[in-house]
Amino acid sequence: MGNTIAWPVLRTTDLAEALNLAEKLLSVASWHDPGGCYLDAWAYDDDVLRRLTEALPDVNVSWYGKGDIGLPASLSVRAGTFAQASEALGIWARISRCYVLWHNMKWPAVPELGLDEEYKYAELQVACNSHTIHCEEWAAEHTVFVHARPGDDERPAWLAAQVGSRVVGPAEFGW
């Protein structure tokens, strides 16, 4: 058991640019399951909750208000393909801070850095209008995060370099 460490590899106001980089990073993965992807958002008021659920009717809602009823609510929906994830993220990003996470994947081995293939801690995330993985505070930019094993500090820079990017900020504790 353990938590990932997440490194930002792009911050941009252009959601299409963030998704393009995510797609490139997925192509670097030694394997990924397209169905191992979900979107997550928080609703703190009834209007946002209504708009999010109307936009994607198959959403799962978990309540976190007093007694586990009422607001705030966490909304989650699976995406089976990259195109579905991109479309859904674009819709939700116009309503609230949200993110998409690919988690059923493997980062490749990097023998020259002493890194084995990684499955357990391999994740890729696009956080909309946020600089953090939990999307707690609004930002004008979208952030692409590479999640990896704690201690594998060279892996995110190596992955980013494979797609013409670089680590653009400090790592943060993942999940």
N, C-alpha and C. Protein backbone atom coordinates (compact mmCIF):
# COMPACT_ATOMS: atom_id res chain seq x y z
N MET A 1 0.85 -1.18 0.00
CA MET A 1 0.00 0.00 0.00
C MET A 1 0.89 1.24 0.00
N GLY A 2 0.40 2.31 -0.53
CA GLY A 2 1.16 3.54 -0.57
C GLY A 2 0.47 4.57 -1.43
N ASN A 3 1.06 5.72 -1.48
CA ASN A 3 0.51 6.81 -2.26
C ASN A 3 1.47 7.20 -3.37
N THR A 4 0.89 7.75 -4.43
CA THR A 4 1.71 8.26 -5.52
C THR A 4 2.30 9.60 -5.13
N ILE A 5 3.25 10.04 -5.93
CA ILE A 5 3.72 11.41 -5.92
C ILE A 5 3.39 11.95 -7.30
N ALA A 6 2.85 13.16 -7.38
CA ALA A 6 2.41 13.73 -8.66
C ALA A 6 3.29 14.92 -9.03
N TRP A 7 3.80 14.90 -10.26
CA TRP A 7 4.63 15.98 -10.77
C TRP A 7 3.90 16.68 -11.91
N PRO A 8 3.79 18.01 -11.88
CA PRO A 8 3.19 18.73 -13.00
C PRO A 8 4.17 18.80 -14.17
N VAL A 9 3.67 18.47 -15.37
CA VAL A 9 4.53 18.50 -16.56
C VAL A 9 4.01 19.49 -17.60
N LEU A 10 2.89 20.15 -17.33
CA LEU A 10 2.38 21.20 -18.21
C LEU A 10 1.33 22.00 -17.45
N ARG A 11 1.39 23.31 -17.61
CA ARG A 11 0.32 24.22 -17.17
C ARG A 11 -0.03 25.08 -18.36
N THR A 12 -1.31 25.11 -18.72
CA THR A 12 -1.74 25.84 -19.90
C THR A 12 -3.20 26.28 -19.76
N THR A 13 -3.56 27.37 -20.40
CA THR A 13 -4.96 27.79 -20.44
C THR A 13 -5.72 27.08 -21.55
N ASP A 14 -5.02 26.31 -22.37
CA ASP A 14 -5.62 25.62 -23.51
C ASP A 14 -5.87 24.15 -23.15
N LEU A 15 -7.14 23.79 -22.92
CA LEU A 15 -7.48 22.42 -22.54
C LEU A 15 -7.08 21.42 -23.63
N ALA A 16 -7.23 21.80 -24.89
CA ALA A 16 -6.84 20.90 -25.98
C ALA A 16 -5.34 20.59 -25.93
N GLU A 17 -4.53 21.58 -25.58
CA GLU A 17 -3.09 21.36 -25.44
C GLU A 17 -2.79 20.38 -24.31
N ALA A 18 -3.50 20.52 -23.19
CA ALA A 18 -3.31 19.61 -22.06
C ALA A 18 -3.70 18.18 -22.45
N LEU A 19 -4.83 18.04 -23.13
CA LEU A 19 -5.27 16.71 -23.54
C LEU A 19 -4.34 16.11 -24.59
N ASN A 20 -3.80 16.94 -25.46
CA ASN A 20 -2.85 16.47 -26.46
C ASN A 20 -1.60 15.90 -25.79
N LEU A 21 -1.09 16.61 -24.78
CA LEU A 21 0.07 16.10 -24.06
C LEU A 21 -0.27 14.80 -23.33
N ALA A 22 -1.46 14.73 -22.73
CA ALA A 22 -1.87 13.51 -22.04
C ALA A 22 -1.91 12.33 -23.01
N GLU A 23 -2.44 12.56 -24.20
CA GLU A 23 -2.50 11.48 -25.19
C GLU A 23 -1.09 11.02 -25.58
N LYS A 24 -0.17 11.96 -25.72
CA LYS A 24 1.23 11.61 -26.03
C LYS A 24 1.85 10.80 -24.89
N LEU A 25 1.59 11.20 -23.64
CA LEU A 25 2.13 10.47 -22.50
C LEU A 25 1.55 9.06 -22.42
N LEU A 26 0.27 8.91 -22.75
CA LEU A 26 -0.33 7.57 -22.76
C LEU A 26 0.36 6.69 -23.80
N SER A 27 0.82 7.28 -24.89
CA SER A 27 1.50 6.49 -25.92
C SER A 27 2.89 6.04 -25.45
N VAL A 28 3.45 6.72 -24.46
CA VAL A 28 4.75 6.32 -23.90
C VAL A 28 4.57 5.16 -22.92
N ALA A 29 3.40 5.06 -22.31
CA ALA A 29 3.14 3.96 -21.36
C ALA A 29 3.38 2.63 -22.07
N SER A 30 3.96 1.67 -21.35
CA SER A 30 4.19 0.37 -21.96
C SER A 30 2.89 -0.40 -22.12
N TRP A 31 1.86 0.01 -21.42
CA TRP A 31 0.53 -0.58 -21.54
C TRP A 31 -0.45 0.32 -20.80
N HIS A 32 -1.66 0.46 -21.35
CA HIS A 32 -2.73 1.10 -20.59
C HIS A 32 -4.06 0.56 -21.05
N ASP A 33 -5.00 0.50 -20.13
CA ASP A 33 -6.36 0.05 -20.39
C ASP A 33 -7.21 1.29 -20.61
N PRO A 34 -7.71 1.52 -21.84
CA PRO A 34 -8.50 2.72 -22.10
C PRO A 34 -9.71 2.85 -21.16
N GLY A 35 -10.23 1.72 -20.68
CA GLY A 35 -11.37 1.77 -19.77
C GLY A 35 -10.98 2.09 -18.34
N GLY A 36 -9.68 2.14 -18.05
CA GLY A 36 -9.20 2.45 -16.71
C GLY A 36 -9.08 3.95 -16.52
N CYS A 37 -10.16 4.65 -16.81
CA CYS A 37 -10.15 6.11 -16.80
C CYS A 37 -11.44 6.61 -16.18
N TYR A 38 -11.36 7.63 -15.33
CA TYR A 38 -12.58 8.22 -14.82
C TYR A 38 -12.41 9.72 -14.64
N LEU A 39 -13.55 10.40 -14.61
CA LEU A 39 -13.59 11.83 -14.36
C LEU A 39 -14.18 12.06 -12.98
N ASP A 40 -13.72 13.11 -12.32
CA ASP A 40 -14.21 13.42 -10.99
C ASP A 40 -14.38 14.93 -10.86
N ALA A 41 -15.46 15.33 -10.19
CA ALA A 41 -15.71 16.75 -9.92
C ALA A 41 -16.43 16.86 -8.58
N TRP A 42 -16.38 18.05 -8.01
CA TRP A 42 -17.09 18.34 -6.77
C TRP A 42 -18.17 19.38 -7.04
N ALA A 43 -19.31 19.19 -6.38
CA ALA A 43 -20.39 20.18 -6.45
C ALA A 43 -20.62 20.71 -5.04
N TYR A 44 -20.54 22.04 -4.91
CA TYR A 44 -20.74 22.68 -3.61
C TYR A 44 -22.06 23.42 -3.54
N ASP A 45 -22.78 23.48 -4.66
CA ASP A 45 -24.10 24.10 -4.64
C ASP A 45 -25.03 23.34 -5.59
N ASP A 46 -26.33 23.55 -5.41
CA ASP A 46 -27.33 22.81 -6.18
C ASP A 46 -27.25 23.08 -7.68
N ASP A 47 -26.92 24.31 -8.07
CA ASP A 47 -26.85 24.64 -9.49
C ASP A 47 -25.73 23.85 -10.17
N VAL A 48 -24.56 23.80 -9.57
CA VAL A 48 -23.44 23.05 -10.16
C VAL A 48 -23.79 21.56 -10.20
N LEU A 49 -24.37 21.04 -9.13
CA LEU A 49 -24.77 19.63 -9.10
C LEU A 49 -25.74 19.33 -10.24
N ARG A 50 -26.74 20.16 -10.41
CA ARG A 50 -27.74 19.96 -11.47
C ARG A 50 -27.07 19.99 -12.84
N ARG A 51 -26.22 20.98 -13.08
CA ARG A 51 -25.58 21.11 -14.39
C ARG A 51 -24.64 19.94 -14.69
N LEU A 52 -23.89 19.48 -13.69
CA LEU A 52 -22.98 18.35 -13.91
C LEU A 52 -23.75 17.07 -14.21
N THR A 53 -24.82 16.81 -13.47
CA THR A 53 -25.59 15.58 -13.69
C THR A 53 -26.41 15.64 -14.97
N GLU A 54 -26.86 16.81 -15.37
CA GLU A 54 -27.56 16.93 -16.66
C GLU A 54 -26.58 16.73 -17.82
N ALA A 55 -25.36 17.19 -17.66
CA ALA A 55 -24.37 17.09 -18.74
C ALA A 55 -23.95 15.64 -18.97
N LEU A 56 -23.82 14.87 -17.90
CA LEU A 56 -23.42 13.46 -17.99
C LEU A 56 -24.35 12.64 -17.09
N PRO A 57 -25.48 12.18 -17.62
CA PRO A 57 -26.49 11.52 -16.79
C PRO A 57 -26.04 10.22 -16.12
N ASP A 58 -25.00 9.55 -16.62
CA ASP A 58 -24.56 8.28 -16.02
C ASP A 58 -23.61 8.46 -14.84
N VAL A 59 -23.55 9.64 -14.30
CA VAL A 59 -22.62 9.98 -13.24
C VAL A 59 -23.02 9.30 -11.91
N ASN A 60 -22.01 8.92 -11.13
CA ASN A 60 -22.23 8.43 -9.77
C ASN A 60 -22.03 9.60 -8.82
N VAL A 61 -22.96 9.76 -7.88
CA VAL A 61 -22.88 10.86 -6.92
C VAL A 61 -22.68 10.29 -5.52
N SER A 62 -21.67 10.81 -4.81
CA SER A 62 -21.43 10.45 -3.41
C SER A 62 -21.60 11.72 -2.59
N TRP A 63 -22.42 11.62 -1.56
CA TRP A 63 -22.74 12.80 -0.74
C TRP A 63 -21.79 12.89 0.44
N TYR A 64 -21.34 14.09 0.76
CA TYR A 64 -20.39 14.30 1.85
C TYR A 64 -20.87 15.35 2.84
N GLY A 65 -22.14 15.71 2.77
CA GLY A 65 -22.68 16.66 3.72
C GLY A 65 -22.88 16.01 5.08
N LYS A 66 -23.43 16.76 5.99
CA LYS A 66 -23.66 16.27 7.35
C LYS A 66 -24.49 14.99 7.29
N GLY A 67 -24.00 13.95 7.96
CA GLY A 67 -24.68 12.67 7.96
C GLY A 67 -24.63 11.97 6.60
N ASP A 68 -23.66 12.30 5.80
CA ASP A 68 -23.48 11.74 4.45
C ASP A 68 -24.67 11.99 3.53
N ILE A 69 -25.36 13.11 3.77
CA ILE A 69 -26.41 13.54 2.85
C ILE A 69 -26.20 15.02 2.56
N GLY A 70 -26.64 15.45 1.44
CA GLY A 70 -26.51 16.87 1.09
C GLY A 70 -25.13 17.22 0.58
N LEU A 71 -24.99 18.48 0.27
CA LEU A 71 -23.74 18.99 -0.31
C LEU A 71 -22.65 19.15 0.74
N PRO A 72 -21.39 19.05 0.35
CA PRO A 72 -20.89 18.87 -1.01
C PRO A 72 -21.08 17.44 -1.50
N ALA A 73 -20.98 17.27 -2.81
CA ALA A 73 -21.10 15.96 -3.43
C ALA A 73 -19.92 15.75 -4.38
N SER A 74 -19.45 14.52 -4.41
CA SER A 74 -18.41 14.13 -5.36
C SER A 74 -19.10 13.39 -6.50
N LEU A 75 -18.77 13.77 -7.72
CA LEU A 75 -19.36 13.15 -8.90
C LEU A 75 -18.26 12.43 -9.67
N SER A 76 -18.55 11.23 -10.12
CA SER A 76 -17.55 10.43 -10.82
C SER A 76 -18.22 9.68 -11.97
N VAL A 77 -17.51 9.58 -13.08
CA VAL A 77 -18.01 8.85 -14.24
C VAL A 77 -16.83 8.20 -14.96
N ARG A 78 -17.02 6.99 -15.44
CA ARG A 78 -15.98 6.28 -16.20
C ARG A 78 -16.02 6.72 -17.66
N ALA A 79 -14.86 6.67 -18.28
CA ALA A 79 -14.76 6.93 -19.72
C ALA A 79 -14.06 5.74 -20.36
N GLY A 80 -14.63 5.19 -21.41
CA GLY A 80 -14.09 3.99 -22.04
C GLY A 80 -13.03 4.25 -23.08
N THR A 81 -12.97 5.46 -23.61
CA THR A 81 -11.98 5.79 -24.63
C THR A 81 -11.39 7.16 -24.35
N PHE A 82 -10.27 7.45 -24.98
CA PHE A 82 -9.66 8.77 -24.81
C PHE A 82 -10.61 9.85 -25.33
N ALA A 83 -11.27 9.58 -26.45
CA ALA A 83 -12.21 10.56 -27.02
C ALA A 83 -13.36 10.85 -26.06
N GLN A 84 -13.90 9.82 -25.42
CA GLN A 84 -14.98 10.03 -24.44
C GLN A 84 -14.48 10.85 -23.26
N ALA A 85 -13.29 10.54 -22.78
CA ALA A 85 -12.73 11.28 -21.65
C ALA A 85 -12.53 12.74 -22.02
N SER A 86 -12.00 12.99 -23.20
CA SER A 86 -11.76 14.37 -23.65
C SER A 86 -13.06 15.16 -23.76
N GLU A 87 -14.07 14.54 -24.36
CA GLU A 87 -15.35 15.22 -24.53
C GLU A 87 -16.00 15.52 -23.18
N ALA A 88 -16.02 14.52 -22.30
CA ALA A 88 -16.64 14.71 -20.99
C ALA A 88 -15.89 15.76 -20.17
N LEU A 89 -14.57 15.73 -20.22
CA LEU A 89 -13.78 16.71 -19.48
C LEU A 89 -14.06 18.12 -19.99
N GLY A 90 -14.16 18.27 -21.29
CA GLY A 90 -14.47 19.57 -21.87
C GLY A 90 -15.81 20.10 -21.41
N ILE A 91 -16.79 19.22 -21.30
CA ILE A 91 -18.13 19.61 -20.84
C ILE A 91 -18.08 20.03 -19.38
N TRP A 92 -17.50 19.17 -18.54
CA TRP A 92 -17.47 19.47 -17.10
C TRP A 92 -16.59 20.68 -16.79
N ALA A 93 -15.52 20.89 -17.55
CA ALA A 93 -14.62 22.02 -17.28
C ALA A 93 -15.33 23.36 -17.46
N ARG A 94 -16.37 23.39 -18.26
CA ARG A 94 -17.14 24.64 -18.42
C ARG A 94 -18.07 24.89 -17.24
N ILE A 95 -18.22 23.89 -16.37
CA ILE A 95 -19.15 23.99 -15.24
C ILE A 95 -18.42 24.14 -13.91
N SER A 96 -17.35 23.38 -13.72
CA SER A 96 -16.70 23.31 -12.41
C SER A 96 -15.25 22.86 -12.57
N ARG A 97 -14.46 22.98 -11.50
CA ARG A 97 -13.13 22.38 -11.48
C ARG A 97 -13.32 20.86 -11.48
N CYS A 98 -12.50 20.17 -12.25
CA CYS A 98 -12.64 18.73 -12.35
C CYS A 98 -11.33 18.14 -12.85
N TYR A 99 -11.25 16.83 -12.86
CA TYR A 99 -10.06 16.19 -13.42
C TYR A 99 -10.42 14.87 -14.07
N VAL A 100 -9.54 14.41 -14.95
CA VAL A 100 -9.62 13.08 -15.53
C VAL A 100 -8.35 12.34 -15.12
N LEU A 101 -8.51 11.06 -14.78
CA LEU A 101 -7.39 10.26 -14.29
C LEU A 101 -7.35 8.93 -15.02
N TRP A 102 -6.20 8.64 -15.62
CA TRP A 102 -5.96 7.32 -16.19
C TRP A 102 -5.13 6.58 -15.15
N HIS A 103 -5.63 5.41 -14.70
CA HIS A 103 -4.94 4.74 -13.59
C HIS A 103 -4.60 3.29 -13.86
N ASN A 104 -5.14 2.66 -14.85
CA ASN A 104 -4.85 1.25 -15.12
C ASN A 104 -3.83 1.19 -16.24
N MET A 105 -2.56 1.42 -15.90
CA MET A 105 -1.51 1.57 -16.90
C MET A 105 -0.16 1.17 -16.32
N LYS A 106 0.87 1.12 -17.19
CA LYS A 106 2.24 0.83 -16.76
C LYS A 106 3.17 1.86 -17.38
N TRP A 107 4.05 2.44 -16.54
CA TRP A 107 5.14 3.25 -17.07
C TRP A 107 6.24 2.29 -17.47
N PRO A 108 6.96 2.58 -18.56
CA PRO A 108 8.00 1.65 -19.02
C PRO A 108 9.23 1.65 -18.10
N ALA A 109 9.98 0.57 -18.20
CA ALA A 109 11.28 0.50 -17.51
C ALA A 109 12.22 1.52 -18.14
N VAL A 110 13.08 2.09 -17.30
CA VAL A 110 14.11 3.02 -17.78
C VAL A 110 15.43 2.52 -17.18
N PRO A 111 16.03 1.50 -17.82
CA PRO A 111 17.22 0.87 -17.24
C PRO A 111 18.36 1.83 -16.96
N GLU A 112 18.55 2.84 -17.82
CA GLU A 112 19.66 3.77 -17.61
C GLU A 112 19.49 4.60 -16.34
N LEU A 113 18.25 4.67 -15.82
CA LEU A 113 18.00 5.38 -14.56
C LEU A 113 17.77 4.41 -13.40
N GLY A 114 17.89 3.11 -13.68
CA GLY A 114 17.66 2.10 -12.65
C GLY A 114 16.20 1.95 -12.28
N LEU A 115 15.29 2.28 -13.20
CA LEU A 115 13.85 2.21 -12.92
C LEU A 115 13.22 1.03 -13.63
N ASP A 116 12.54 0.18 -12.86
CA ASP A 116 11.81 -0.94 -13.44
C ASP A 116 10.47 -0.46 -13.98
N GLU A 117 9.81 -1.33 -14.74
CA GLU A 117 8.46 -1.02 -15.20
C GLU A 117 7.59 -0.78 -13.97
N GLU A 118 6.66 0.17 -14.05
CA GLU A 118 5.84 0.55 -12.89
C GLU A 118 4.35 0.47 -13.22
N TYR A 119 3.64 -0.32 -12.43
CA TYR A 119 2.18 -0.44 -12.58
C TYR A 119 1.45 0.20 -11.40
N LYS A 120 1.85 -0.18 -10.20
CA LYS A 120 1.09 0.20 -9.00
C LYS A 120 0.93 1.71 -8.84
N TYR A 121 1.95 2.48 -9.15
CA TYR A 121 1.91 3.93 -8.91
C TYR A 121 1.78 4.74 -10.21
N ALA A 122 1.57 4.06 -11.32
CA ALA A 122 1.51 4.74 -12.62
C ALA A 122 0.12 5.33 -12.84
N GLU A 123 0.05 6.65 -12.93
CA GLU A 123 -1.20 7.35 -13.22
C GLU A 123 -0.88 8.61 -14.01
N LEU A 124 -1.88 9.06 -14.75
CA LEU A 124 -1.77 10.28 -15.53
C LEU A 124 -3.05 11.08 -15.30
N GLN A 125 -2.91 12.38 -15.07
CA GLN A 125 -4.06 13.21 -14.70
C GLN A 125 -4.02 14.55 -15.41
N VAL A 126 -5.21 15.01 -15.82
CA VAL A 126 -5.38 16.38 -16.29
C VAL A 126 -6.36 17.05 -15.32
N ALA A 127 -5.89 18.06 -14.61
CA ALA A 127 -6.71 18.81 -13.66
C ALA A 127 -7.14 20.12 -14.34
N CYS A 128 -8.44 20.31 -14.46
CA CYS A 128 -8.97 21.51 -15.14
C CYS A 128 -9.10 22.67 -14.17
N ASN A 129 -8.58 23.81 -14.59
CA ASN A 129 -8.65 25.04 -13.81
C ASN A 129 -8.11 24.86 -12.40
N SER A 130 -6.97 24.16 -12.31
CA SER A 130 -6.36 23.91 -11.01
C SER A 130 -4.87 23.65 -11.17
N HIS A 131 -4.12 24.00 -10.13
CA HIS A 131 -2.69 23.69 -10.07
C HIS A 131 -2.43 22.51 -9.15
N THR A 132 -3.49 21.93 -8.55
CA THR A 132 -3.32 20.81 -7.63
C THR A 132 -4.14 19.61 -8.09
N ILE A 133 -3.74 18.43 -7.65
CA ILE A 133 -4.43 17.21 -8.09
C ILE A 133 -5.86 17.13 -7.56
N HIS A 134 -6.13 17.75 -6.43
CA HIS A 134 -7.47 17.67 -5.84
C HIS A 134 -8.41 18.78 -6.32
N CYS A 135 -7.90 19.68 -7.13
CA CYS A 135 -8.72 20.77 -7.71
C CYS A 135 -9.43 21.59 -6.63
N GLU A 136 -8.73 21.87 -5.55
CA GLU A 136 -9.35 22.57 -4.43
C GLU A 136 -9.51 24.07 -4.68
N GLU A 137 -8.60 24.67 -5.41
CA GLU A 137 -8.67 26.11 -5.67
C GLU A 137 -8.66 26.36 -7.16
N TRP A 138 -9.43 27.35 -7.58
CA TRP A 138 -9.52 27.69 -8.99
C TRP A 138 -8.23 28.32 -9.48
N ALA A 139 -7.83 27.97 -10.69
CA ALA A 139 -6.70 28.60 -11.38
C ALA A 139 -7.10 28.77 -12.84
N ALA A 140 -6.50 29.71 -13.50
CA ALA A 140 -6.81 29.95 -14.92
C ALA A 140 -6.27 28.83 -15.81
N GLU A 141 -5.32 28.06 -15.29
CA GLU A 141 -4.66 27.05 -16.11
C GLU A 141 -5.12 25.64 -15.77
N HIS A 142 -4.93 24.76 -16.74
CA HIS A 142 -5.12 23.32 -16.57
C HIS A 142 -3.73 22.73 -16.36
N THR A 143 -3.64 21.68 -15.56
CA THR A 143 -2.34 21.08 -15.24
C THR A 143 -2.35 19.60 -15.58
N VAL A 144 -1.31 19.15 -16.27
CA VAL A 144 -1.10 17.73 -16.53
C VAL A 144 -0.12 17.21 -15.49
N PHE A 145 -0.51 16.13 -14.80
CA PHE A 145 0.33 15.52 -13.76
C PHE A 145 0.71 14.10 -14.16
N VAL A 146 1.97 13.76 -13.93
CA VAL A 146 2.46 12.39 -14.01
C VAL A 146 2.56 11.89 -12.58
N HIS A 147 1.87 10.79 -12.27
CA HIS A 147 1.96 10.17 -10.94
C HIS A 147 2.93 8.99 -11.03
N ALA A 148 3.76 8.85 -10.00
CA ALA A 148 4.74 7.76 -9.99
C ALA A 148 5.04 7.36 -8.54
N ARG A 149 5.86 6.35 -8.43
CA ARG A 149 6.26 5.81 -7.12
C ARG A 149 7.09 6.85 -6.36
N PRO A 150 6.83 7.00 -5.05
CA PRO A 150 7.71 7.86 -4.25
C PRO A 150 9.15 7.37 -4.36
N GLY A 151 10.06 8.30 -4.59
CA GLY A 151 11.47 7.96 -4.74
C GLY A 151 11.91 7.82 -6.19
N ASP A 152 10.95 7.63 -7.10
CA ASP A 152 11.28 7.55 -8.53
C ASP A 152 11.28 8.96 -9.13
N ASP A 153 12.02 9.86 -8.53
CA ASP A 153 11.98 11.27 -8.90
C ASP A 153 12.45 11.56 -10.32
N GLU A 154 13.21 10.67 -10.92
CA GLU A 154 13.69 10.91 -12.28
C GLU A 154 12.68 10.47 -13.34
N ARG A 155 11.73 9.60 -12.97
CA ARG A 155 10.78 9.08 -13.95
C ARG A 155 9.92 10.17 -14.58
N PRO A 156 9.31 11.07 -13.82
CA PRO A 156 8.46 12.10 -14.45
C PRO A 156 9.22 12.97 -15.45
N ALA A 157 10.45 13.35 -15.12
CA ALA A 157 11.25 14.15 -16.05
C ALA A 157 11.56 13.35 -17.31
N TRP A 158 11.87 12.07 -17.15
CA TRP A 158 12.15 11.23 -18.30
C TRP A 158 10.91 11.10 -19.18
N LEU A 159 9.74 10.82 -18.55
CA LEU A 159 8.49 10.70 -19.32
C LEU A 159 8.18 11.99 -20.06
N ALA A 160 8.28 13.11 -19.35
CA ALA A 160 7.99 14.41 -19.98
C ALA A 160 8.92 14.66 -21.16
N ALA A 161 10.19 14.33 -21.01
CA ALA A 161 11.16 14.55 -22.09
C ALA A 161 10.82 13.72 -23.33
N GLN A 162 10.21 12.55 -23.13
CA GLN A 162 9.85 11.70 -24.27
C GLN A 162 8.81 12.35 -25.17
N VAL A 163 8.07 13.32 -24.63
CA VAL A 163 7.00 13.98 -25.41
C VAL A 163 7.26 15.48 -25.55
N GLY A 164 8.51 15.88 -25.35
CA GLY A 164 8.88 17.28 -25.56
C GLY A 164 8.44 18.23 -24.46
N SER A 165 8.28 17.72 -23.25
CA SER A 165 7.87 18.57 -22.13
C SER A 165 8.91 18.45 -21.02
N ARG A 166 8.57 19.00 -19.86
CA ARG A 166 9.47 18.94 -18.70
C ARG A 166 8.63 19.11 -17.44
N VAL A 167 9.20 18.79 -16.31
CA VAL A 167 8.54 19.04 -15.02
C VAL A 167 8.51 20.55 -14.82
N VAL A 168 7.33 21.10 -14.48
CA VAL A 168 7.17 22.56 -14.41
C VAL A 168 6.89 23.08 -13.00
N GLY A 169 6.98 22.23 -12.01
CA GLY A 169 6.72 22.68 -10.64
C GLY A 169 7.05 21.58 -9.66
N PRO A 170 6.89 21.87 -8.37
CA PRO A 170 7.21 20.88 -7.35
C PRO A 170 6.21 19.73 -7.34
N ALA A 171 6.68 18.59 -6.87
CA ALA A 171 5.81 17.42 -6.72
C ALA A 171 4.85 17.63 -5.56
N GLU A 172 3.73 16.92 -5.61
CA GLU A 172 2.81 16.93 -4.47
C GLU A 172 2.42 15.51 -4.13
N PHE A 173 2.06 15.31 -2.88
CA PHE A 173 1.65 14.01 -2.38
C PHE A 173 0.37 13.60 -3.09
N GLY A 174 0.35 12.40 -3.66
CA GLY A 174 -0.81 11.91 -4.40
C GLY A 174 -1.78 11.14 -3.55
N TRP A 175 -2.35 10.11 -4.14
CA TRP A 175 -3.32 9.28 -3.42
C TRP A 175 -2.91 7.84 -3.45
